[in-house]
PDB file of N, CA and C in Angstrom:
ATOM      1  N   MET A   1      27.005 -39.733 -41.277  1.00  0.00           N
ATOM      2  CA  MET A   1      26.564 -41.186 -40.538  1.00  0.00           C
ATOM      3  C   MET A   1      24.937 -41.057 -40.468  1.00  0.00           C
ATOM      4  N   SER A   2      24.390 -41.673 -40.847  1.00  0.00           N
ATOM      5  CA  SER A   2      22.604 -41.692 -40.542  1.00  0.00           C
ATOM      6  C   SER A   2      22.141 -41.714 -39.558  1.00  0.00           C
ATOM      7  N   VAL A   3      20.823 -41.389 -39.365  1.00  0.00           N
ATOM      8  CA  VAL A   3      20.124 -41.097 -38.149  1.00  0.00           C
ATOM      9  C   VAL A   3      19.928 -42.611 -37.296  1.00  0.00           C
ATOM     10  N   HIS A   4      19.688 -43.341 -38.492  1.00  0.00           N
ATOM     11  CA  HIS A   4      19.110 -44.651 -37.683  1.00  0.00           C
ATOM     12  C   HIS A   4      20.674 -45.277 -36.925  1.00  0.00           C
ATOM     13  N   ARG A   5      22.537 -44.879 -37.786  1.00  0.00           N
ATOM     14  CA  ARG A   5      23.330 -45.425 -37.189  1.00  0.00           C
ATOM     15  C   ARG A   5      23.566 -44.025 -35.294  1.00  0.00           C
ATOM     16  N   LYS A   6      22.951 -43.247 -36.110  1.00  0.00           N
ATOM     17  CA  LYS A   6      23.302 -42.606 -34.498  1.00  0.00           C
ATOM     18  C   LYS A   6      22.794 -42.924 -33.340  1.00  0.00           C
ATOM     19  N   ILE A   7      21.181 -43.281 -33.752  1.00  0.00           N
ATOM     20  CA  ILE A   7      20.698 -44.187 -32.579  1.00  0.00           C
ATOM     21  C   ILE A   7      20.822 -45.284 -32.480  1.00  0.00           C
ATOM     22  N   GLU A   8      21.756 -46.698 -32.640  1.00  0.00           N
ATOM     23  CA  GLU A   8      22.051 -47.392 -32.601  1.00  0.00           C
ATOM     24  C   GLU A   8      23.913 -46.841 -31.699  1.00  0.00           C
ATOM     25  N   LYS A   9      24.031 -46.302 -31.670  1.00  0.00           N
ATOM     26  CA  LYS A   9      25.144 -45.786 -30.944  1.00  0.00           C
ATOM     27  C   LYS A   9      24.484 -45.231 -29.698  1.00  0.00           C
ATOM     28  N   PHE A  10      23.773 -44.176 -29.603  1.00  0.00           N
ATOM     29  CA  PHE A  10      23.265 -43.713 -28.699  1.00  0.00           C
ATOM     30  C   PHE A  10      22.292 -44.805 -27.906  1.00  0.00           C
ATOM     31  N   LEU A  11      21.907 -45.993 -28.001  1.00  0.00           N
ATOM     32  CA  LEU A  11      21.371 -46.692 -27.199  1.00  0.00           C
ATOM     33  C   LEU A  11      22.196 -47.732 -26.858  1.00  0.00           C
ATOM     34  N   ARG A  12      23.159 -48.053 -27.543  1.00  0.00           N
ATOM     35  CA  ARG A  12      24.561 -48.568 -27.105  1.00  0.00           C
ATOM     36  C   ARG A  12      25.551 -48.038 -25.909  1.00  0.00           C
ATOM     37  N   ARG A  13      25.523 -46.933 -26.175  1.00  0.00           N
ATOM     38  CA  ARG A  13      26.125 -45.749 -24.711  1.00  0.00           C
ATOM     39  C   ARG A  13      25.463 -45.522 -23.834  1.00  0.00           C
ATOM     40  N   THR A  14      24.143 -45.423 -23.607  1.00  0.00           N
ATOM     41  CA  THR A  14      22.772 -45.488 -22.760  1.00  0.00           C
ATOM     42  C   THR A  14      22.620 -46.717 -21.733  1.00  0.00           C
ATOM     43  N   ASN A  15      22.633 -47.282 -22.658  1.00  0.00           N
ATOM     44  CA  ASN A  15      21.665 -48.459 -22.586  1.00  0.00           C
ATOM     45  C   ASN A  15      20.118 -48.293 -22.486  1.00  0.00           C
ATOM     46  N   MET A  16      19.551 -46.985 -22.813  1.00  0.00           N
ATOM     47  CA  MET A  16      18.749 -46.952 -23.001  1.00  0.00           C
ATOM     48  C   MET A  16      17.584 -47.738 -23.669  1.00  0.00           C
ATOM     49  N   PRO A  17      16.645 -48.637 -22.891  1.00  0.00           N
ATOM     50  CA  PRO A  17      15.550 -49.520 -24.461  1.00  0.00           C
ATOM     51  C   PRO A  17      15.149 -49.001 -25.270  1.00  0.00           C
ATOM     52  N   ALA A  18      14.988 -49.587 -26.381  1.00  0.00           N
ATOM     53  CA  ALA A  18      14.552 -48.806 -27.765  1.00  0.00           C
ATOM     54  C   ALA A  18      13.243 -48.363 -27.316  1.00  0.00           C
ATOM     55  N   THR A  19      12.646 -49.055 -26.883  1.00  0.00           N
ATOM     56  CA  THR A  19      11.285 -48.284 -26.334  1.00  0.00           C
ATOM     57  C   THR A  19      11.289 -47.377 -26.192  1.00  0.00           C
ATOM     58  N   LYS A  20      12.018 -47.581 -25.164  1.00  0.00           N
ATOM     59  CA  LYS A  20      11.776 -45.419 -24.246  1.00  0.00           C
ATOM     60  C   LYS A  20      12.394 -44.664 -25.730  1.00  0.00           C
ATOM     61  N   PHE A  21      13.676 -44.996 -26.128  1.00  0.00           N
ATOM     62  CA  PHE A  21      14.138 -43.745 -26.648  1.00  0.00           C
ATOM     63  C   PHE A  21      12.927 -43.487 -28.169  1.00  0.00           C
ATOM     64  N   GLY A  22      12.404 -44.348 -28.657  1.00  0.00           N
ATOM     65  CA  GLY A  22      11.294 -44.233 -29.138  1.00  0.00           C
ATOM     66  C   GLY A  22      10.216 -43.054 -28.696  1.00  0.00           C
ATOM     67  N   ARG A  23       9.821 -43.541 -27.181  1.00  0.00           N
ATOM     68  CA  ARG A  23       8.999 -43.132 -26.967  1.00  0.00           C
ATOM     69  C   ARG A  23       9.187 -41.233 -26.629  1.00  0.00           C
ATOM     70  N   LEU A  24       9.887 -41.634 -26.128  1.00  0.00           N
ATOM     71  CA  LEU A  24      10.668 -40.088 -25.873  1.00  0.00           C
ATOM     72  C   LEU A  24      10.966 -39.226 -26.916  1.00  0.00           C
ATOM     73  N   ALA A  25      11.267 -39.777 -27.995  1.00  0.00           N
ATOM     74  CA  ALA A  25      12.189 -38.667 -29.553  1.00  0.00           C
ATOM     75  C   ALA A  25      10.917 -38.708 -29.836  1.00  0.00           C
ATOM     76  N   ILE A  26      10.387 -39.207 -30.250  1.00  0.00           N
ATOM     77  CA  ILE A  26       9.072 -38.806 -31.298  1.00  0.00           C
ATOM     78  C   ILE A  26       7.531 -39.586 -30.561  1.00  0.00           C
ATOM     79  N   GLY A  27       7.063 -39.750 -29.531  1.00  0.00           N
ATOM     80  CA  GLY A  27       6.343 -40.449 -29.141  1.00  0.00           C
ATOM     81  C   GLY A  27       5.941 -41.784 -29.687  1.00  0.00           C
ATOM     82  N   ASP A  28       6.769 -42.939 -30.187  1.00  0.00           N
ATOM     83  CA  ASP A  28       6.193 -43.872 -30.385  1.00  0.00           C
ATOM     84  C   ASP A  28       7.041 -45.089 -30.729  1.00  0.00           C
ATOM     85  N   PRO A  29       6.838 -45.834 -29.203  1.00  0.00           N
ATOM     86  CA  PRO A  29       7.755 -46.655 -28.746  1.00  0.00           C
ATOM     87  C   PRO A  29       8.235 -48.169 -29.860  1.00  0.00           C
ATOM     88  N   ARG A  30       8.008 -47.950 -31.309  1.00  0.00           N
ATOM     89  CA  ARG A  30       8.352 -49.151 -32.208  1.00  0.00           C
ATOM     90  C   ARG A  30       8.903 -48.210 -33.101  1.00  0.00           C
ATOM     91  N   LEU A  31       9.411 -46.839 -32.324  1.00  0.00           N
ATOM     92  CA  LEU A  31      10.392 -46.662 -33.729  1.00  0.00           C
ATOM     93  C   LEU A  31      11.643 -47.384 -34.138  1.00  0.00           C
ATOM     94  N   VAL A  32      12.646 -47.343 -33.137  1.00  0.00           N
ATOM     95  CA  VAL A  32      13.628 -48.485 -33.489  1.00  0.00           C
ATOM     96  C   VAL A  32      13.420 -49.687 -34.052  1.00  0.00           C
ATOM     97  N   ARG A  33      12.869 -50.386 -33.850  1.00  0.00           N
ATOM     98  CA  ARG A  33      11.716 -52.302 -34.337  1.00  0.00           C
ATOM     99  C   ARG A  33      11.928 -51.935 -35.778  1.00  0.00           C
ATOM    100  N   ASP A  34      11.237 -50.625 -35.647  1.00  0.00           N
ATOM    101  CA  ASP A  34      10.450 -50.599 -37.312  1.00  0.00           C
ATOM    102  C   ASP A  34      11.892 -50.252 -37.995  1.00  0.00           C
ATOM    103  N   LEU A  35      12.669 -49.093 -37.536  1.00  0.00           N
ATOM    104  CA  LEU A  35      13.349 -49.353 -38.636  1.00  0.00           C
ATOM    105  C   LEU A  35      14.698 -49.988 -38.940  1.00  0.00           C
ATOM    106  N   ARG A  36      14.810 -50.520 -37.927  1.00  0.00           N
ATOM    107  CA  ARG A  36      15.206 -51.788 -37.524  1.00  0.00           C
ATOM    108  C   ARG A  36      14.828 -52.539 -39.424  1.00  0.00           C
ATOM    109  N   ASN A  37      13.314 -52.934 -39.231  1.00  0.00           N
ATOM    110  CA  ASN A  37      12.959 -54.010 -40.617  1.00  0.00           C
ATOM    111  C   ASN A  37      12.969 -52.783 -41.534  1.00  0.00           C
ATOM    112  N   GLY A  38      13.889 -51.633 -41.808  1.00  0.00           N
ATOM    113  CA  GLY A  38      13.427 -51.386 -42.751  1.00  0.00           C
ATOM    114  C   GLY A  38      12.766 -50.036 -43.166  1.00  0.00           C
ATOM    115  N   ARG A  39      11.912 -49.413 -42.346  1.00  0.00           N
ATOM    116  CA  ARG A  39      11.343 -48.069 -42.294  1.00  0.00           C
ATOM    117  C   ARG A  39      11.804 -47.164 -42.604  1.00  0.00           C
ATOM    118  N   GLU A  40      11.615 -46.612 -43.943  1.00  0.00           N
ATOM    119  CA  GLU A  40      11.886 -44.535 -44.383  1.00  0.00           C
ATOM    120  C   GLU A  40      11.542 -44.134 -43.463  1.00  0.00           C
ATOM    121  N   LEU A  41      12.120 -42.667 -42.652  1.00  0.00           N
ATOM    122  CA  LEU A  41      12.048 -41.401 -42.400  1.00  0.00           C
ATOM    123  C   LEU A  41      11.757 -41.008 -42.941  1.00  0.00           C
ATOM    124  N   ARG A  42      10.505 -39.837 -42.642  1.00  0.00           N
ATOM    125  CA  ARG A  42      10.139 -38.543 -43.505  1.00  0.00           C
ATOM    126  C   ARG A  42      10.936 -37.505 -42.924  1.00  0.00           C
ATOM    127  N   PRO A  43      11.463 -36.274 -43.631  1.00  0.00           N
ATOM    128  CA  PRO A  43      12.920 -35.896 -43.489  1.00  0.00           C
ATOM    129  C   PRO A  43      12.122 -34.932 -41.958  1.00  0.00           C
ATOM    130  N   LEU A  44      10.854 -34.763 -42.112  1.00  0.00           N
ATOM    131  CA  LEU A  44      10.805 -33.691 -40.669  1.00  0.00           C
ATOM    132  C   LEU A  44      10.784 -34.551 -39.488  1.00  0.00           C
ATOM    133  N   THR A  45      10.472 -36.178 -39.371  1.00  0.00           N
ATOM    134  CA  THR A  45      11.140 -36.809 -38.225  1.00  0.00           C
ATOM    135  C   THR A  45      12.554 -36.877 -38.241  1.00  0.00           C
ATOM    136  N   GLU A  46      12.694 -37.376 -38.832  1.00  0.00           N
ATOM    137  CA  GLU A  46      14.467 -37.205 -39.198  1.00  0.00           C
ATOM    138  C   GLU A  46      14.981 -36.249 -38.518  1.00  0.00           C
ATOM    139  N   ALA A  47      14.629 -34.686 -39.248  1.00  0.00           N
ATOM    140  CA  ALA A  47      14.913 -33.458 -38.507  1.00  0.00           C
ATOM    141  C   ALA A  47      14.718 -33.902 -36.584  1.00  0.00           C
ATOM    142  N   ARG A  48      13.318 -34.036 -36.699  1.00  0.00           N
ATOM    143  CA  ARG A  48      12.829 -34.590 -35.353  1.00  0.00           C
ATOM    144  C   ARG A  48      14.259 -35.217 -33.970  1.00  0.00           C
ATOM    145  N   LEU A  49      14.628 -36.614 -34.836  1.00  0.00           N
ATOM    146  CA  LEU A  49      15.378 -37.760 -34.303  1.00  0.00           C
ATOM    147  C   LEU A  49      16.510 -36.632 -33.970  1.00  0.00           C
ATOM    148  N   GLU A  50      17.115 -36.363 -34.918  1.00  0.00           N
ATOM    149  CA  GLU A  50      18.840 -35.454 -35.162  1.00  0.00           C
ATOM    150  C   GLU A  50      18.429 -34.409 -33.733  1.00  0.00           C
ATOM    151  N   ALA A  51      17.428 -33.490 -33.503  1.00  0.00           N
ATOM    152  CA  ALA A  51      17.469 -32.756 -32.623  1.00  0.00           C
ATOM    153  C   ALA A  51      17.412 -33.122 -30.754  1.00  0.00           C
ATOM    154  N   PHE A  52      16.587 -34.202 -30.778  1.00  0.00           N
ATOM    155  CA  PHE A  52      16.465 -34.933 -30.268  1.00  0.00           C
ATOM    156  C   PHE A  52      17.999 -35.261 -29.203  1.00  0.00           C
ATOM    157  N   LEU A  53      18.812 -36.166 -30.261  1.00  0.00           N
ATOM    158  CA  LEU A  53      19.633 -36.990 -30.557  1.00  0.00           C
ATOM    159  C   LEU A  53      21.064 -35.529 -29.707  1.00  0.00           C
ATOM    160  N   ALA A  54      20.932 -34.281 -30.571  1.00  0.00           N
ATOM    161  CA  ALA A  54      21.755 -33.445 -30.367  1.00  0.00           C
ATOM    162  C   ALA A  54      21.171 -32.900 -28.939  1.00  0.00           C
ATOM    163  N   ALA A  55      19.732 -32.989 -28.456  1.00  0.00           N
ATOM    164  CA  ALA A  55      19.546 -32.149 -27.108  1.00  0.00           C
ATOM    165  C   ALA A  55      20.212 -33.481 -25.580  1.00  0.00           C
ATOM    166  N   GLN A  56      20.741 -34.201 -26.253  1.00  0.00           N
ATOM    167  CA  GLN A  56      20.413 -35.594 -25.328  1.00  0.00           C
ATOM    168  C   GLN A  56      22.541 -35.811 -25.284  1.00  0.00           C
ATOM    169  N   GLY A  57      22.802 -35.013 -25.975  1.00  0.00           N
ATOM    170  CA  GLY A  57      24.599 -35.263 -26.217  1.00  0.00           C
ATOM    171  C   GLY A  57      25.158 -36.283 -27.104  1.00  0.00           C
ATOM    172  N   ALA A  58      24.190 -36.355 -28.220  1.00  0.00           N
ATOM    173  CA  ALA A  58      24.180 -37.615 -28.334  1.00  0.00           C
ATOM    174  C   ALA A  58      25.930 -37.463 -28.978  1.00  0.00           C
ATOM    175  N   GLY A  59      26.646 -35.825 -29.261  1.00  0.00           N
ATOM    176  CA  GLY A  59      27.817 -36.072 -30.186  1.00  0.00           C
ATOM    177  C   GLY A  59      29.059 -36.072 -29.741  1.00  0.00           C
ATOM    178  N   ARG A  60      28.780 -36.829 -28.329  1.00  0.00           N
ATOM    179  CA  ARG A  60      30.003 -37.261 -27.627  1.00  0.00           C
ATOM    180  C   ARG A  60      30.432 -38.455 -27.561  1.00  0.00           C
TER     181      ARG A  60
END
């Protein structure tokens, strides 16, 4: 599953605002909006997001 899809599932499950997620995960409140508009992630950023999601228990 792509990290973008994992983020969307996490947002639905937690009802966290997209801007808060981006700010907490990587310090970028526009992250989710940019991903929805086609932003491509660098491998290091993707790894940081995966680690954040894992720490939040997104695998549940």
